[in-house]
Amino acid sequence: MTLSRRRALRSAAVLALAPGLAPGLARAQAYPSKPVRLIVPYSAGGGADTTARLIVPKLQEALGQTIIVENKPGAGGMIGDEIVAKAVPDGHTLLIGAFAHAVNPSLFPKMPFRMPEDFAPVSLLVTVPELMVITPSHPAKTVAELVALAKAQPGKLSYASSGNGSAQHLAAELFKMRTGTDIQHVPYKGGALAVADVAAGHVPFYFGNMSAALPQARGGRVRALAVTSAARSPAAPEVPTLAETGVPNCEISEWNALIAPAGTPPAVIARLHTEIARIMRMEEIKARFADLGADAIGSTPAELAVFLRAEMMKWAEVVKAANIKVE
């Protein structure tokens, strides 16, 4: 009897002794049996799309199957979310979830799916802090000076955002809550327009996604005041955290996560998580995300579940306190 034959017989014996284990193993070994759709609920070129396209080549190689990235923008990400929520839960339709995935339940009383019940967490992929930037010529040179100015002139200072309900909008509202300031919101249709007006001095400051705002700060168009992460960002170690400037409990990060439809077999979830965790530990992947100001994570499904519930609760509080409405 050959060595390979003896191994095959031993494997068969193990499965025979553990029949409850066999179906799950079979599904994991057979998965994926066809191309996988990876739904990105935003336009091409954005943060979620960039995350997807950075990990897809490695994940394709690991799974031995084609992964098709499909951009399905609209309705604050809910169009893409709905596609995945209602997909066959076999692991062949997956979602790149983003910040709005956890915020939308607070902004929209009626949604075409349930959060988080219609989804199965796989892994938190990356987190990206916001960078607080100000017009270079503004008299406030620090966060403390900006807060003092806002308190001396209630309602006179303003901040820009990329739109109602955006991460930038919520970051500024959380900042207002933590500092007890009255600062007016000036929403724009996109971050590029917002940061352009901050650079021009039309609106004093802005919380921008690190990957988009940092190049503007390095180019001198705006001046960086603080980052919204718990620790300083390796991408800009010279910039203090908000906590270091005297504003505690004001952490916010945009993020991307791999999410499947609820009911996806645990064996498939485990297979996906194992491969994703390995990919996110690769030095080349970590370095590429670091260049974008992002931290590669690769959490467990359980850790992502806890993270998502915490995000939903946190931003529900801010949306309610700030009375944020999205039309």
C-alpha atoms as a PDB file:
ATOM      1  CA  MET A   1       0.000   0.000   0.000  1.00  0.00           C
ATOM      2  CA  THR A   2       1.392   3.397  -0.979  1.00  0.00           C
ATOM      3  CA  LEU A   3       1.908   6.249   1.488  1.00  0.00           C
ATOM      4  CA  SER A   4      -0.748   8.415  -0.217  1.00  0.00           C
ATOM      5  CA  ARG A   5      -3.236   5.523  -0.068  1.00  0.00           C
ATOM      6  CA  ARG A   6      -2.602   5.030   3.678  1.00  0.00           C
ATOM      7  CA  ARG A   7      -3.129   8.785   4.296  1.00  0.00           C
ATOM      8  CA  ALA A   8      -6.384   8.738   2.358  1.00  0.00           C
ATOM      9  CA  LEU A   9      -7.659   5.786   4.399  1.00  0.00           C
ATOM     10  CA  ARG A  10      -6.711   7.500   7.672  1.00  0.00           C
ATOM     11  CA  SER A  11      -8.576  10.663   6.595  1.00  0.00           C
ATOM     12  CA  ALA A  12     -11.637   8.608   5.713  1.00  0.00           C
ATOM     13  CA  ALA A  13     -11.498   6.913   9.102  1.00  0.00           C
ATOM     14  CA  VAL A  14     -11.357  10.243  10.918  1.00  0.00           C
ATOM     15  CA  LEU A  15     -14.403  11.488   9.026  1.00  0.00           C
ATOM     16  CA  ALA A  16     -16.262   8.276   9.729  1.00  0.00           C
ATOM     17  CA  LEU A  17     -15.631   8.659  13.447  1.00  0.00           C
ATOM     18  CA  ALA A  18     -16.737  12.303  13.409  1.00  0.00           C
ATOM     19  CA  PRO A  19     -19.747  12.455  11.035  1.00  0.00           C
ATOM     20  CA  GLY A  20     -20.865  15.823  12.386  1.00  0.00           C
ATOM     21  CA  LEU A  21     -17.583  17.307  11.283  1.00  0.00           C
ATOM     22  CA  ALA A  22     -17.626  15.939   7.764  1.00  0.00           C
ATOM     23  CA  PRO A  23     -20.221  18.282   6.162  1.00  0.00           C
ATOM     24  CA  GLY A  24     -18.452  21.411   7.408  1.00  0.00           C
ATOM     25  CA  LEU A  25     -15.065  20.174   6.247  1.00  0.00           C
ATOM     26  CA  ALA A  26     -16.480  19.217   2.884  1.00  0.00           C
ATOM     27  CA  ARG A  27     -17.988  22.670   2.394  1.00  0.00           C
ATOM     28  CA  ALA A  28     -14.751  24.396   3.371  1.00  0.00           C
ATOM     29  CA  GLN A  29     -12.688  22.172   1.082  1.00  0.00           C
ATOM     30  CA  ALA A  30     -15.113  22.649  -1.833  1.00  0.00           C
ATOM     31  CA  TYR A  31     -15.288  26.425  -1.355  1.00  0.00           C
ATOM     32  CA  PRO A  32     -15.172  28.372  -3.562  1.00  0.00           C
ATOM     33  CA  SER A  33     -16.679  26.319  -6.360  1.00  0.00           C
ATOM     34  CA  LYS A  34     -17.178  29.274  -8.716  1.00  0.00           C
ATOM     35  CA  PRO A  35     -16.070  32.925  -9.064  1.00  0.00           C
ATOM     36  CA  VAL A  36     -16.658  35.076  -5.987  1.00  0.00           C
ATOM     37  CA  ARG A  37     -18.417  38.437  -6.232  1.00  0.00           C
ATOM     38  CA  LEU A  38     -16.879  41.089  -3.973  1.00  0.00           C
ATOM     39  CA  ILE A  39     -19.361  43.948  -3.680  1.00  0.00           C
ATOM     40  CA  VAL A  40     -17.918  47.408  -3.043  1.00  0.00           C
ATOM     41  CA  PRO A  41     -20.857  49.735  -2.244  1.00  0.00           C
ATOM     42  CA  TYR A  42     -18.970  52.816  -3.448  1.00  0.00           C
ATOM     43  CA  SER A  43     -17.479  54.187  -6.653  1.00  0.00           C
ATOM     44  CA  ALA A  44     -14.183  53.011  -8.116  1.00  0.00           C
ATOM     45  CA  GLY A  45     -11.131  54.808  -6.783  1.00  0.00           C
ATOM     46  CA  GLY A  46     -12.457  55.428  -3.275  1.00  0.00           C
ATOM     47  CA  GLY A  47     -11.115  54.017  -0.026  1.00  0.00           C
ATOM     48  CA  ALA A  48     -13.235  50.850   0.016  1.00  0.00           C
ATOM     49  CA  ASP A  49     -12.434  50.152  -3.634  1.00  0.00           C
ATOM     50  CA  THR A  50      -8.706  50.636  -2.988  1.00  0.00           C
ATOM     51  CA  THR A  51      -8.844  48.211  -0.061  1.00  0.00           C
ATOM     52  CA  ALA A  52     -10.623  45.609  -2.174  1.00  0.00           C
ATOM     53  CA  ARG A  53      -8.183  45.826  -5.056  1.00  0.00           C
ATOM     54  CA  LEU A  54      -5.146  45.612  -2.784  1.00  0.00           C
ATOM     55  CA  ILE A  55      -6.243  42.349  -1.159  1.00  0.00           C
ATOM     56  CA  VAL A  56      -7.984  40.641  -4.093  1.00  0.00           C
ATOM     57  CA  PRO A  57      -4.852  39.333  -5.895  1.00  0.00           C
ATOM     58  CA  LYS A  58      -3.627  37.613  -2.723  1.00  0.00           C
ATOM     59  CA  LEU A  59      -7.071  36.267  -1.848  1.00  0.00           C
ATOM     60  CA  GLN A  60      -7.592  34.908  -5.372  1.00  0.00           C
ATOM     61  CA  GLU A  61      -4.291  33.094  -5.125  1.00  0.00           C
ATOM     62  CA  ALA A  62      -5.198  31.653  -1.716  1.00  0.00           C
ATOM     63  CA  LEU A  63      -8.684  30.496  -2.717  1.00  0.00           C
ATOM     64  CA  GLY A  64      -7.753  29.323  -6.182  1.00  0.00           C
ATOM     65  CA  GLN A  65     -10.740  31.064  -7.736  1.00  0.00           C
ATOM     66  CA  THR A  66     -11.487  34.321  -9.533  1.00  0.00           C
ATOM     67  CA  ILE A  67     -12.770  37.212  -7.431  1.00  0.00           C
ATOM     68  CA  ILE A  68     -14.776  39.821  -9.321  1.00  0.00           C
ATOM     69  CA  VAL A  69     -14.878  43.288  -7.747  1.00  0.00           C
ATOM     70  CA  GLU A  70     -18.252  44.918  -8.431  1.00  0.00           C
ATOM     71  CA  ASN A  71     -18.771  48.597  -7.581  1.00  0.00           C
ATOM     72  CA  LYS A  72     -22.389  49.233  -6.573  1.00  0.00           C
ATOM     73  CA  PRO A  73     -22.520  52.843  -5.318  1.00  0.00           C
ATOM     74  CA  GLY A  74     -25.605  54.681  -4.129  1.00  0.00           C
ATOM     75  CA  ALA A  75     -27.814  55.425  -1.126  1.00  0.00           C
ATOM     76  CA  GLY A  76     -24.886  55.868   1.223  1.00  0.00           C
ATOM     77  CA  GLY A  77     -23.652  52.354   0.548  1.00  0.00           C
ATOM     78  CA  MET A  78     -27.012  50.674   1.108  1.00  0.00           C
ATOM     79  CA  ILE A  79     -27.441  49.486  -2.490  1.00  0.00           C
ATOM     80  CA  GLY A  80     -24.350  47.304  -2.232  1.00  0.00           C
ATOM     81  CA  ASP A  81     -25.178  46.284   1.327  1.00  0.00           C
ATOM     82  CA  GLU A  82     -28.624  45.086   0.239  1.00  0.00           C
ATOM     83  CA  ILE A  83     -27.180  42.965  -2.562  1.00  0.00           C
ATOM     84  CA  VAL A  84     -25.065  41.065  -0.054  1.00  0.00           C
ATOM     85  CA  ALA A  85     -27.761  40.890   2.631  1.00  0.00           C
ATOM     86  CA  LYS A  86     -30.098  39.162   0.162  1.00  0.00           C
ATOM     87  CA  ALA A  87     -27.503  36.990  -1.586  1.00  0.00           C
ATOM     88  CA  VAL A  88     -27.323  33.207  -1.293  1.00  0.00           C
ATOM     89  CA  PRO A  89     -25.275  32.651   1.891  1.00  0.00           C
ATOM     90  CA  ASP A  90     -22.658  30.335   0.435  1.00  0.00           C
ATOM     91  CA  GLY A  91     -19.600  32.613   0.516  1.00  0.00           C
ATOM     92  CA  HIS A  92     -19.722  33.428  -3.185  1.00  0.00           C
ATOM     93  CA  THR A  93     -21.057  36.970  -2.597  1.00  0.00           C
ATOM     94  CA  LEU A  94     -19.107  39.115  -0.120  1.00  0.00           C
ATOM     95  CA  LEU A  95     -19.088  42.746   0.948  1.00  0.00           C
ATOM     96  CA  ILE A  96     -16.423  45.328   1.633  1.00  0.00           C
ATOM     97  CA  GLY A  97     -18.179  47.091   4.497  1.00  0.00           C
ATOM     98  CA  ALA A  98     -17.255  50.648   5.433  1.00  0.00           C
ATOM     99  CA  PHE A  99     -17.932  53.296   8.103  1.00  0.00           C
ATOM    100  CA  ALA A 100     -21.435  54.058   6.793  1.00  0.00           C
ATOM    101  CA  HIS A 101     -22.402  50.397   7.224  1.00  0.00           C
ATOM    102  CA  ALA A 102     -22.551  51.003  10.998  1.00  0.00           C
ATOM    103  CA  VAL A 103     -23.859  54.587  10.836  1.00  0.00           C
ATOM    104  CA  ASN A 104     -26.719  54.204   8.351  1.00  0.00           C
ATOM    105  CA  PRO A 105     -29.099  52.516  10.832  1.00  0.00           C
ATOM    106  CA  SER A 106     -29.070  55.759  12.846  1.00  0.00           C
ATOM    107  CA  LEU A 107     -29.515  57.984   9.796  1.00  0.00           C
ATOM    108  CA  PHE A 108     -32.226  56.017   7.976  1.00  0.00           C
ATOM    109  CA  PRO A 109     -35.238  54.783  10.004  1.00  0.00           C
ATOM    110  CA  LYS A 110     -36.236  52.418   7.191  1.00  0.00           C
ATOM    111  CA  MET A 111     -33.667  50.169   5.559  1.00  0.00           C
ATOM    112  CA  PRO A 112     -34.135  47.267   3.083  1.00  0.00           C
ATOM    113  CA  PHE A 113     -32.283  44.901   5.420  1.00  0.00           C
ATOM    114  CA  ARG A 114     -31.644  44.403   9.136  1.00  0.00           C
ATOM    115  CA  MET A 115     -28.469  45.533  10.858  1.00  0.00           C
ATOM    116  CA  PRO A 116     -26.541  43.604  11.978  1.00  0.00           C
ATOM    117  CA  GLU A 117     -28.761  40.508  11.772  1.00  0.00           C
ATOM    118  CA  ASP A 118     -28.571  40.074   7.975  1.00  0.00           C
ATOM    119  CA  PHE A 119     -24.775  39.955   7.891  1.00  0.00           C
ATOM    120  CA  ALA A 120     -22.017  37.605   9.057  1.00  0.00           C
ATOM    121  CA  PRO A 121     -18.735  39.293  10.064  1.00  0.00           C
ATOM    122  CA  VAL A 122     -15.516  37.858   8.655  1.00  0.00           C
ATOM    123  CA  SER A 123     -12.668  40.259   9.446  1.00  0.00           C
ATOM    124  CA  LEU A 124     -11.878  43.911  10.059  1.00  0.00           C
ATOM    125  CA  LEU A 125      -9.407  44.729   7.289  1.00  0.00           C
ATOM    126  CA  VAL A 126      -8.099  48.255   7.856  1.00  0.00           C
ATOM    127  CA  THR A 127      -8.700  51.374   9.910  1.00  0.00           C
ATOM    128  CA  VAL A 128      -7.917  54.927   8.748  1.00  0.00           C
ATOM    129  CA  PRO A 129      -8.008  57.867  11.176  1.00  0.00           C
ATOM    130  CA  GLU A 130      -9.194  61.354  10.318  1.00  0.00           C
ATOM    131  CA  LEU A 131      -6.712  64.204  10.080  1.00  0.00           C
ATOM    132  CA  MET A 132      -7.857  67.538  11.516  1.00  0.00           C
ATOM    133  CA  VAL A 133      -6.573  70.261   9.203  1.00  0.00           C
ATOM    134  CA  ILE A 134      -6.898  74.047   9.213  1.00  0.00           C
ATOM    135  CA  THR A 135      -6.314  76.948   6.833  1.00  0.00           C
ATOM    136  CA  PRO A 136      -2.539  77.646   6.939  1.00  0.00           C
ATOM    137  CA  SER A 137      -3.039  81.351   7.648  1.00  0.00           C
ATOM    138  CA  HIS A 138      -5.615  80.847  10.413  1.00  0.00           C
ATOM    139  CA  PRO A 139      -4.662  82.513  13.722  1.00  0.00           C
ATOM    140  CA  ALA A 140      -5.298  79.301  15.706  1.00  0.00           C
ATOM    141  CA  LYS A 141      -2.069  77.333  15.580  1.00  0.00           C
ATOM    142  CA  THR A 142      -3.150  74.499  17.894  1.00  0.00           C
ATOM    143  CA  VAL A 143      -6.317  72.611  18.785  1.00  0.00           C
ATOM    144  CA  ALA A 144      -6.387  74.360  22.167  1.00  0.00           C
ATOM    145  CA  GLU A 145      -6.270  77.769  20.488  1.00  0.00           C
ATOM    146  CA  LEU A 146      -9.050  76.745  18.094  1.00  0.00           C
ATOM    147  CA  VAL A 147     -11.248  75.580  20.986  1.00  0.00           C
ATOM    148  CA  ALA A 148     -10.591  78.821  22.897  1.00  0.00           C
ATOM    149  CA  LEU A 149     -11.533  80.847  19.831  1.00  0.00           C
ATOM    150  CA  ALA A 150     -14.735  78.825  19.323  1.00  0.00           C
ATOM    151  CA  LYS A 151     -15.757  79.328  22.948  1.00  0.00           C
ATOM    152  CA  ALA A 152     -15.065  83.056  22.761  1.00  0.00           C
ATOM    153  CA  GLN A 153     -17.254  83.380  19.651  1.00  0.00           C
ATOM    154  CA  PRO A 154     -20.089  80.821  19.902  1.00  0.00           C
ATOM    155  CA  GLY A 155     -21.663  80.039  16.525  1.00  0.00           C
ATOM    156  CA  LYS A 156     -19.182  82.176  14.578  1.00  0.00           C
ATOM    157  CA  LEU A 157     -16.638  79.485  13.677  1.00  0.00           C
ATOM    158  CA  SER A 158     -17.442  76.902  10.997  1.00  0.00           C
ATOM    159  CA  TYR A 159     -16.104  73.584   9.708  1.00  0.00           C
ATOM    160  CA  ALA A 160     -16.362  71.824   6.342  1.00  0.00           C
ATOM    161  CA  SER A 161     -17.400  68.247   5.680  1.00  0.00           C
ATOM    162  CA  SER A 162     -17.852  66.014   2.660  1.00  0.00           C
ATOM    163  CA  GLY A 163     -21.605  65.851   3.311  1.00  0.00           C
ATOM    164  CA  ASN A 164     -24.322  65.244   5.887  1.00  0.00           C
ATOM    165  CA  GLY A 165     -23.813  62.015   7.767  1.00  0.00           C
ATOM    166  CA  SER A 166     -20.280  61.505   6.461  1.00  0.00           C
ATOM    167  CA  ALA A 167     -17.414  60.379   8.673  1.00  0.00           C
ATOM    168  CA  GLN A 168     -16.015  63.916   8.488  1.00  0.00           C
ATOM    169  CA  HIS A 169     -19.337  65.385   9.639  1.00  0.00           C
ATOM    170  CA  LEU A 170     -19.609  62.953  12.554  1.00  0.00           C
ATOM    171  CA  ALA A 171     -15.977  63.499  13.546  1.00  0.00           C
ATOM    172  CA  ALA A 172     -16.563  67.240  13.867  1.00  0.00           C
ATOM    173  CA  GLU A 173     -19.814  66.764  15.787  1.00  0.00           C
ATOM    174  CA  LEU A 174     -18.073  64.414  18.206  1.00  0.00           C
ATOM    175  CA  PHE A 175     -15.335  67.042  18.580  1.00  0.00           C
ATOM    176  CA  LYS A 176     -17.985  69.651  19.392  1.00  0.00           C
ATOM    177  CA  MET A 177     -19.543  67.356  22.001  1.00  0.00           C
ATOM    178  CA  ARG A 178     -16.218  66.676  23.688  1.00  0.00           C
ATOM    179  CA  THR A 179     -15.130  70.345  23.712  1.00  0.00           C
ATOM    180  CA  GLY A 180     -18.510  71.934  24.470  1.00  0.00           C
ATOM    181  CA  THR A 181     -18.268  74.274  21.501  1.00  0.00           C
ATOM    182  CA  ASP A 182     -20.837  75.746  19.106  1.00  0.00           C
ATOM    183  CA  ILE A 183     -19.398  75.483  15.589  1.00  0.00           C
ATOM    184  CA  GLN A 184     -21.398  75.667  12.363  1.00  0.00           C
ATOM    185  CA  HIS A 185     -21.446  72.883   9.782  1.00  0.00           C
ATOM    186  CA  VAL A 186     -20.786  73.663   6.103  1.00  0.00           C
ATOM    187  CA  PRO A 187     -21.463  70.496   4.067  1.00  0.00           C
ATOM    188  CA  TYR A 188     -19.952  69.968   0.609  1.00  0.00           C
ATOM    189  CA  LYS A 189     -20.569  67.418  -2.091  1.00  0.00           C
ATOM    190  CA  GLY A 190     -17.341  65.522  -1.567  1.00  0.00           C
ATOM    191  CA  GLY A 191     -14.081  65.856   0.301  1.00  0.00           C
ATOM    192  CA  ALA A 192     -12.149  67.448  -2.553  1.00  0.00           C
ATOM    193  CA  LEU A 193     -14.415  70.505  -2.576  1.00  0.00           C
ATOM    194  CA  ALA A 194     -14.345  70.737   1.218  1.00  0.00           C
ATOM    195  CA  VAL A 195     -10.580  70.678   1.568  1.00  0.00           C
ATOM    196  CA  ALA A 196     -10.222  73.131  -1.332  1.00  0.00           C
ATOM    197  CA  ASP A 197     -12.300  75.713   0.512  1.00  0.00           C
ATOM    198  CA  VAL A 198     -10.368  75.101   3.736  1.00  0.00           C
ATOM    199  CA  ALA A 199      -7.127  75.641   1.827  1.00  0.00           C
ATOM    200  CA  ALA A 200      -8.538  78.863   0.370  1.00  0.00           C
ATOM    201  CA  GLY A 201      -9.630  80.100   3.789  1.00  0.00           C
ATOM    202  CA  HIS A 202     -13.369  80.120   3.072  1.00  0.00           C
ATOM    203  CA  VAL A 203     -14.000  77.636   5.910  1.00  0.00           C
ATOM    204  CA  PRO A 204     -11.459  77.357   8.763  1.00  0.00           C
ATOM    205  CA  PHE A 205     -11.087  73.641   9.375  1.00  0.00           C
ATOM    206  CA  TYR A 206     -11.982  70.129   8.329  1.00  0.00           C
ATOM    207  CA  PHE A 207     -11.646  66.514   9.463  1.00  0.00           C
ATOM    208  CA  GLY A 208     -10.407  64.611   6.428  1.00  0.00           C
ATOM    209  CA  ASN A 209      -9.652  60.972   5.750  1.00  0.00           C
ATOM    210  CA  MET A 210      -5.931  60.536   6.470  1.00  0.00           C
ATOM    211  CA  SER A 211      -5.130  59.084   3.054  1.00  0.00           C
ATOM    212  CA  ALA A 212      -6.726  62.087   1.312  1.00  0.00           C
ATOM    213  CA  ALA A 213      -5.876  64.905   3.743  1.00  0.00           C
ATOM    214  CA  LEU A 214      -2.246  64.042   4.525  1.00  0.00           C
ATOM    215  CA  PRO A 215      -0.942  64.769   0.993  1.00  0.00           C
ATOM    216  CA  GLN A 216      -2.702  68.166   1.202  1.00  0.00           C
ATOM    217  CA  ALA A 217      -0.946  68.891   4.509  1.00  0.00           C
ATOM    218  CA  ARG A 218       2.432  67.748   3.213  1.00  0.00           C
ATOM    219  CA  GLY A 219       1.952  69.981   0.192  1.00  0.00           C
ATOM    220  CA  GLY A 220       1.326  73.003   2.427  1.00  0.00           C
ATOM    221  CA  ARG A 221      -2.217  73.619   1.222  1.00  0.00           C
ATOM    222  CA  VAL A 222      -3.558  72.986   4.751  1.00  0.00           C
ATOM    223  CA  ARG A 223      -1.950  72.613   8.184  1.00  0.00           C
ATOM    224  CA  ALA A 224      -2.378  69.445  10.258  1.00  0.00           C
ATOM    225  CA  LEU A 225      -3.530  69.953  13.855  1.00  0.00           C
ATOM    226  CA  ALA A 226      -4.258  66.429  15.139  1.00  0.00           C
ATOM    227  CA  VAL A 227      -5.162  62.859  14.272  1.00  0.00           C
ATOM    228  CA  THR A 228      -8.272  61.129  15.603  1.00  0.00           C
ATOM    229  CA  SER A 229      -6.641  57.779  16.393  1.00  0.00           C
ATOM    230  CA  ALA A 230      -5.773  56.498  19.878  1.00  0.00           C
ATOM    231  CA  ALA A 231      -2.048  56.641  19.061  1.00  0.00           C
ATOM    232  CA  ARG A 232      -0.070  58.759  16.653  1.00  0.00           C
ATOM    233  CA  SER A 233      -0.170  57.582  13.064  1.00  0.00           C
ATOM    234  CA  PRO A 234       3.047  56.057  11.667  1.00  0.00           C
ATOM    235  CA  ALA A 235       2.215  57.961   8.479  1.00  0.00           C
ATOM    236  CA  ALA A 236       2.494  61.302  10.314  1.00  0.00           C
ATOM    237  CA  PRO A 237       4.268  60.712  13.655  1.00  0.00           C
ATOM    238  CA  GLU A 238       4.834  64.429  14.137  1.00  0.00           C
ATOM    239  CA  VAL A 239       1.081  65.107  14.390  1.00  0.00           C
ATOM    240  CA  PRO A 240      -0.382  64.724  17.916  1.00  0.00           C
ATOM    241  CA  THR A 241      -3.554  62.828  18.736  1.00  0.00           C
ATOM    242  CA  LEU A 242      -6.607  64.779  19.841  1.00  0.00           C
ATOM    243  CA  ALA A 243      -6.174  63.292  23.313  1.00  0.00           C
ATOM    244  CA  GLU A 244      -2.663  64.730  23.458  1.00  0.00           C
ATOM    245  CA  THR A 245      -4.062  68.171  22.620  1.00  0.00           C
ATOM    246  CA  GLY A 246      -6.501  68.024  25.531  1.00  0.00           C
ATOM    247  CA  VAL A 247      -9.568  66.527  23.816  1.00  0.00           C
ATOM    248  CA  PRO A 248     -10.120  63.008  25.252  1.00  0.00           C
ATOM    249  CA  ASN A 249     -12.553  60.342  24.063  1.00  0.00           C
ATOM    250  CA  CYS A 250     -12.677  61.751  20.552  1.00  0.00           C
ATOM    251  CA  GLU A 251     -11.406  58.795  18.567  1.00  0.00           C
ATOM    252  CA  ILE A 252     -12.739  58.079  15.120  1.00  0.00           C
ATOM    253  CA  SER A 253     -11.478  55.963  12.260  1.00  0.00           C
ATOM    254  CA  GLU A 254     -12.929  55.088   8.937  1.00  0.00           C
ATOM    255  CA  TRP A 255     -12.607  51.389   8.225  1.00  0.00           C
ATOM    256  CA  ASN A 256     -13.188  48.546   5.829  1.00  0.00           C
ATOM    257  CA  ALA A 257     -14.255  45.026   6.728  1.00  0.00           C
ATOM    258  CA  LEU A 258     -14.991  41.786   4.925  1.00  0.00           C
ATOM    259  CA  ILE A 259     -18.604  40.765   5.539  1.00  0.00           C
ATOM    260  CA  ALA A 260     -20.740  37.875   4.281  1.00  0.00           C
ATOM    261  CA  PRO A 261     -24.510  37.277   4.231  1.00  0.00           C
ATOM    262  CA  ALA A 262     -26.036  35.896   7.427  1.00  0.00           C
ATOM    263  CA  GLY A 263     -26.283  32.113   7.301  1.00  0.00           C
ATOM    264  CA  THR A 264     -22.953  31.613   5.528  1.00  0.00           C
ATOM    265  CA  PRO A 265     -21.563  28.256   6.764  1.00  0.00           C
ATOM    266  CA  PRO A 266     -19.120  28.652   9.686  1.00  0.00           C
ATOM    267  CA  ALA A 267     -16.556  26.552   7.816  1.00  0.00           C
ATOM    268  CA  VAL A 268     -16.602  29.017   4.933  1.00  0.00           C
ATOM    269  CA  ILE A 269     -16.321  31.993   7.299  1.00  0.00           C
ATOM    270  CA  ALA A 270     -13.376  30.293   8.992  1.00  0.00           C
ATOM    271  CA  ARG A 271     -11.654  29.626   5.655  1.00  0.00           C
ATOM    272  CA  LEU A 272     -12.059  33.250   4.589  1.00  0.00           C
ATOM    273  CA  HIS A 273     -10.859  34.575   7.930  1.00  0.00           C
ATOM    274  CA  THR A 274      -7.786  32.328   7.942  1.00  0.00           C
ATOM    275  CA  GLU A 275      -6.712  33.557   4.516  1.00  0.00           C
ATOM    276  CA  ILE A 276      -7.498  37.213   5.228  1.00  0.00           C
ATOM    277  CA  ALA A 277      -5.612  37.183   8.534  1.00  0.00           C
ATOM    278  CA  ARG A 278      -2.584  35.724   6.772  1.00  0.00           C
ATOM    279  CA  ILE A 279      -2.776  38.286   3.968  1.00  0.00           C
ATOM    280  CA  MET A 280      -3.108  41.251   6.331  1.00  0.00           C
ATOM    281  CA  ARG A 281       0.052  40.114   8.155  1.00  0.00           C
ATOM    282  CA  MET A 282       2.126  40.206   4.980  1.00  0.00           C
ATOM    283  CA  GLU A 283       4.767  42.921   5.154  1.00  0.00           C
ATOM    284  CA  GLU A 284       4.104  44.079   1.592  1.00  0.00           C
ATOM    285  CA  ILE A 285       0.373  44.455   2.302  1.00  0.00           C
ATOM    286  CA  LYS A 286       0.994  46.269   5.593  1.00  0.00           C
ATOM    287  CA  ALA A 287       3.435  48.604   3.856  1.00  0.00           C
ATOM    288  CA  ARG A 288       1.042  49.420   1.024  1.00  0.00           C
ATOM    289  CA  PHE A 289      -1.744  50.292   3.442  1.00  0.00           C
ATOM    290  CA  ALA A 290       0.670  52.272   5.638  1.00  0.00           C
ATOM    291  CA  ASP A 291       1.518  54.413   2.609  1.00  0.00           C
ATOM    292  CA  LEU A 292      -2.179  55.335   2.534  1.00  0.00           C
ATOM    293  CA  GLY A 293      -2.240  56.182   6.240  1.00  0.00           C
ATOM    294  CA  ALA A 294      -4.133  52.982   7.013  1.00  0.00           C
ATOM    295  CA  ASP A 295      -3.457  50.249   9.570  1.00  0.00           C
ATOM    296  CA  ALA A 296      -3.835  46.648   8.378  1.00  0.00           C
ATOM    297  CA  ILE A 297      -5.807  44.649  10.970  1.00  0.00           C
ATOM    298  CA  GLY A 298      -7.126  41.183  10.054  1.00  0.00           C
ATOM    299  CA  SER A 299      -9.388  40.618  13.093  1.00  0.00           C
ATOM    300  CA  THR A 300     -11.388  37.513  13.971  1.00  0.00           C
ATOM    301  CA  PRO A 301     -15.112  37.321  13.097  1.00  0.00           C
ATOM    302  CA  ALA A 302     -15.977  37.653  16.804  1.00  0.00           C
ATOM    303  CA  GLU A 303     -13.800  40.744  17.170  1.00  0.00           C
ATOM    304  CA  LEU A 304     -15.435  42.319  14.131  1.00  0.00           C
ATOM    305  CA  ALA A 305     -18.904  41.584  15.538  1.00  0.00           C
ATOM    306  CA  VAL A 306     -18.023  43.401  18.775  1.00  0.00           C
ATOM    307  CA  PHE A 307     -16.467  46.269  16.807  1.00  0.00           C
ATOM    308  CA  LEU A 308     -19.543  46.733  14.598  1.00  0.00           C
ATOM    309  CA  ARG A 309     -21.955  46.818  17.531  1.00  0.00           C
ATOM    310  CA  ALA A 310     -19.746  49.349  19.335  1.00  0.00           C
ATOM    311  CA  GLU A 311     -19.614  51.536  16.221  1.00  0.00           C
ATOM    312  CA  MET A 312     -23.391  51.403  15.810  1.00  0.00           C
ATOM    313  CA  MET A 313     -23.957  52.441  19.423  1.00  0.00           C
ATOM    314  CA  LYS A 314     -21.320  55.184  19.390  1.00  0.00           C
ATOM    315  CA  TRP A 315     -22.533  56.921  16.267  1.00  0.00           C
ATOM    316  CA  ALA A 316     -26.210  56.505  17.152  1.00  0.00           C
ATOM    317  CA  GLU A 317     -25.458  58.657  20.200  1.00  0.00           C
ATOM    318  CA  VAL A 318     -23.719  61.331  18.105  1.00  0.00           C
ATOM    319  CA  VAL A 319     -26.425  61.367  15.414  1.00  0.00           C
ATOM    320  CA  LYS A 320     -29.116  61.802  18.077  1.00  0.00           C
ATOM    321  CA  ALA A 321     -27.247  64.457  20.068  1.00  0.00           C
ATOM    322  CA  ALA A 322     -26.401  66.488  16.960  1.00  0.00           C
ATOM    323  CA  ASN A 323     -29.867  65.915  15.426  1.00  0.00           C
ATOM    324  CA  ILE A 324     -28.273  64.912  12.125  1.00  0.00           C
ATOM    325  CA  LYS A 325     -30.734  64.457   9.279  1.00  0.00           C
ATOM    326  CA  VAL A 326     -29.991  63.013   5.846  1.00  0.00           C
ATOM    327  CA  GLU A 327     -32.381  63.773   3.007  1.00  0.00           C
END
